[in-house]
Amino acid sequence: MNKCKYFVILFYLIISFVKGQQVDAVQVKLKEDHLSLETFKYLSATYQKKQEKTYQLYIALYNIGIPLVRLFEYETLQSYFNKNSQNNLKEVYILLISDDKNYINDDRREEYFQKYLKDYFIMPPTG
């Protein structure tokens, strides 16, 4: 029984380590991803001018597989749009992508991370 318990703990630690590396890889790629930074800036500017239009834009970008909106929930992005009045937008973007808690945290997470790292655009299979 003890061996089984240790095996389960070891397995959990290995899976956690691999997932941690995947998050790190996504964060590194996003830091170098100029399209995602520009998407963030554009969404933020839209939010500052016409808050009611921002969600529609978010959905349109989501539907074409833009990584920034696939990897972060709208509410998370919205909370960071509110921070831009005190900070440079690039600094706010770096804060957003640097915190693991900001990323989607449901059954899409691992799949979306893998698709972003491999293919850039995140388009789940249809049908």
Protein backbone atom coordinates (compact mmCIF):
# COMPACT_ATOMS: atom_id res chain seq x y z
CA MET A 1 0.00 0.00 0.00
CA ASN A 2 2.83 2.40 0.79
CA LYS A 3 4.44 1.85 -2.61
CA CYS A 4 1.18 2.69 -4.34
CA LYS A 5 0.84 5.87 -2.29
CA TYR A 6 4.39 6.97 -3.16
CA PHE A 7 3.81 6.17 -6.84
CA VAL A 8 0.69 8.37 -6.92
CA ILE A 9 2.56 11.23 -5.22
CA LEU A 10 5.51 10.87 -7.61
CA PHE A 11 3.16 10.79 -10.62
CA TYR A 12 1.37 13.93 -9.40
CA LEU A 13 4.69 15.75 -8.93
CA ILE A 14 5.88 14.82 -12.42
CA ILE A 15 2.61 15.98 -14.00
CA SER A 16 2.75 19.24 -12.02
CA PHE A 17 6.34 19.82 -13.16
CA VAL A 18 5.49 19.23 -16.82
CA LYS A 19 2.47 21.54 -16.63
CA GLY A 20 4.63 24.18 -14.93
CA GLN A 21 7.12 24.00 -17.79
CA GLN A 22 4.29 24.41 -20.29
CA VAL A 23 3.04 27.57 -18.52
CA ASP A 24 6.60 28.93 -18.52
CA ALA A 25 6.94 28.24 -22.26
CA VAL A 26 3.63 30.02 -22.98
CA GLN A 27 4.71 33.02 -20.89
CA VAL A 28 8.05 33.26 -22.69
CA LYS A 29 6.39 33.04 -26.10
CA LEU A 30 3.79 35.68 -25.15
CA LYS A 31 6.54 38.06 -24.00
CA GLU A 32 8.00 37.93 -27.51
CA ASP A 33 4.61 37.88 -29.26
CA HIS A 34 4.14 41.33 -30.80
CA LEU A 35 0.71 40.45 -32.25
CA SER A 36 -0.62 39.57 -28.78
CA LEU A 37 0.79 42.81 -27.35
CA GLU A 38 -0.82 44.82 -30.15
CA THR A 39 -4.10 42.94 -29.62
CA PHE A 40 -3.96 43.83 -25.93
CA LYS A 41 -3.27 47.49 -26.74
CA TYR A 42 -6.13 47.63 -29.25
CA LEU A 43 -8.60 45.96 -26.88
CA SER A 44 -7.53 48.30 -24.10
CA ALA A 45 -7.95 51.39 -26.29
CA THR A 46 -11.39 50.17 -27.36
CA TYR A 47 -12.29 49.54 -23.72
CA GLN A 48 -11.27 53.07 -22.74
CA LYS A 49 -13.43 54.60 -25.51
CA LYS A 50 -16.38 52.22 -25.89
CA GLN A 51 -16.62 49.63 -23.13
CA GLU A 52 -19.78 48.14 -24.62
CA LYS A 53 -17.98 47.34 -27.91
CA THR A 54 -14.99 45.64 -26.28
CA TYR A 55 -16.74 42.36 -25.51
CA GLN A 56 -18.01 42.08 -29.09
CA LEU A 57 -14.46 42.63 -30.34
CA TYR A 58 -13.17 40.03 -27.84
CA ILE A 59 -15.68 37.47 -29.20
CA ALA A 60 -14.78 38.26 -32.83
CA LEU A 61 -11.07 37.76 -32.06
CA TYR A 62 -11.86 34.60 -30.07
CA ASN A 63 -13.73 33.14 -33.05
CA ILE A 64 -10.73 33.53 -35.35
CA GLY A 65 -8.34 31.90 -32.87
CA ILE A 66 -6.31 34.88 -31.62
CA PRO A 67 -4.20 33.48 -28.75
CA LEU A 68 -4.54 36.39 -26.31
CA VAL A 69 -8.31 36.10 -26.13
CA ARG A 70 -8.25 32.30 -26.11
CA LEU A 71 -5.78 32.13 -23.22
CA PHE A 72 -7.44 34.75 -20.98
CA GLU A 73 -11.06 35.20 -19.94
CA TYR A 74 -12.66 38.53 -20.83
CA GLU A 75 -13.08 39.50 -17.16
CA THR A 76 -9.37 38.98 -16.53
CA LEU A 77 -8.41 41.18 -19.49
CA GLN A 78 -10.97 43.76 -18.41
CA SER A 79 -9.41 44.03 -14.95
CA TYR A 80 -6.05 44.73 -16.58
CA PHE A 81 -7.54 47.33 -18.95
CA ASN A 82 -8.53 49.24 -15.81
CA LYS A 83 -4.89 49.26 -14.64
CA ASN A 84 -3.53 51.00 -17.73
CA SER A 85 -4.25 54.52 -16.52
CA GLN A 86 -1.37 54.28 -14.04
CA ASN A 87 1.06 52.22 -16.11
CA ASN A 88 2.57 51.77 -19.53
CA LEU A 89 0.45 49.28 -21.52
CA LYS A 90 3.41 47.02 -22.20
CA GLU A 91 4.11 46.83 -18.45
CA VAL A 92 0.45 45.99 -17.80
CA TYR A 93 0.60 43.31 -20.52
CA ILE A 94 3.72 41.80 -18.91
CA LEU A 95 1.95 41.76 -15.53
CA LEU A 96 -1.02 40.00 -17.12
CA ILE A 97 0.94 37.24 -18.85
CA SER A 98 3.38 36.72 -15.96
CA ASP A 99 0.78 35.54 -13.46
CA ASP A 100 -0.23 31.90 -13.92
CA LYS A 101 -3.55 32.58 -12.17
CA ASN A 102 -4.65 34.89 -15.01
CA TYR A 103 -4.81 32.15 -17.66
CA ILE A 104 -7.93 30.14 -18.37
CA ASN A 105 -8.23 27.41 -15.80
CA ASP A 106 -10.58 24.78 -17.15
CA ASP A 107 -10.46 21.78 -19.46
CA ARG A 108 -9.38 23.96 -22.42
CA ARG A 109 -6.17 25.14 -20.76
CA GLU A 110 -3.75 22.35 -21.66
CA GLU A 111 -5.09 21.99 -25.21
CA TYR A 112 -4.92 25.74 -25.85
CA PHE A 113 -1.41 25.98 -24.43
CA GLN A 114 -0.23 23.17 -26.70
CA LYS A 115 -1.91 24.67 -29.77
CA TYR A 116 -0.41 28.09 -29.07
CA LEU A 117 3.09 26.68 -28.62
CA LYS A 118 2.81 24.51 -31.73
CA ASP A 119 0.58 26.37 -34.21
CA TYR A 120 0.12 29.90 -32.79
CA PHE A 121 -3.60 30.25 -33.64
CA ILE A 122 -5.92 28.31 -31.35
CA MET A 123 -8.71 26.72 -33.33
CA PRO A 124 -10.35 23.73 -31.65
CA PRO A 125 -11.62 20.98 -33.97
CA THR A 126 -15.20 21.42 -35.12
CA GLY A 127 -17.88 18.98 -35.84
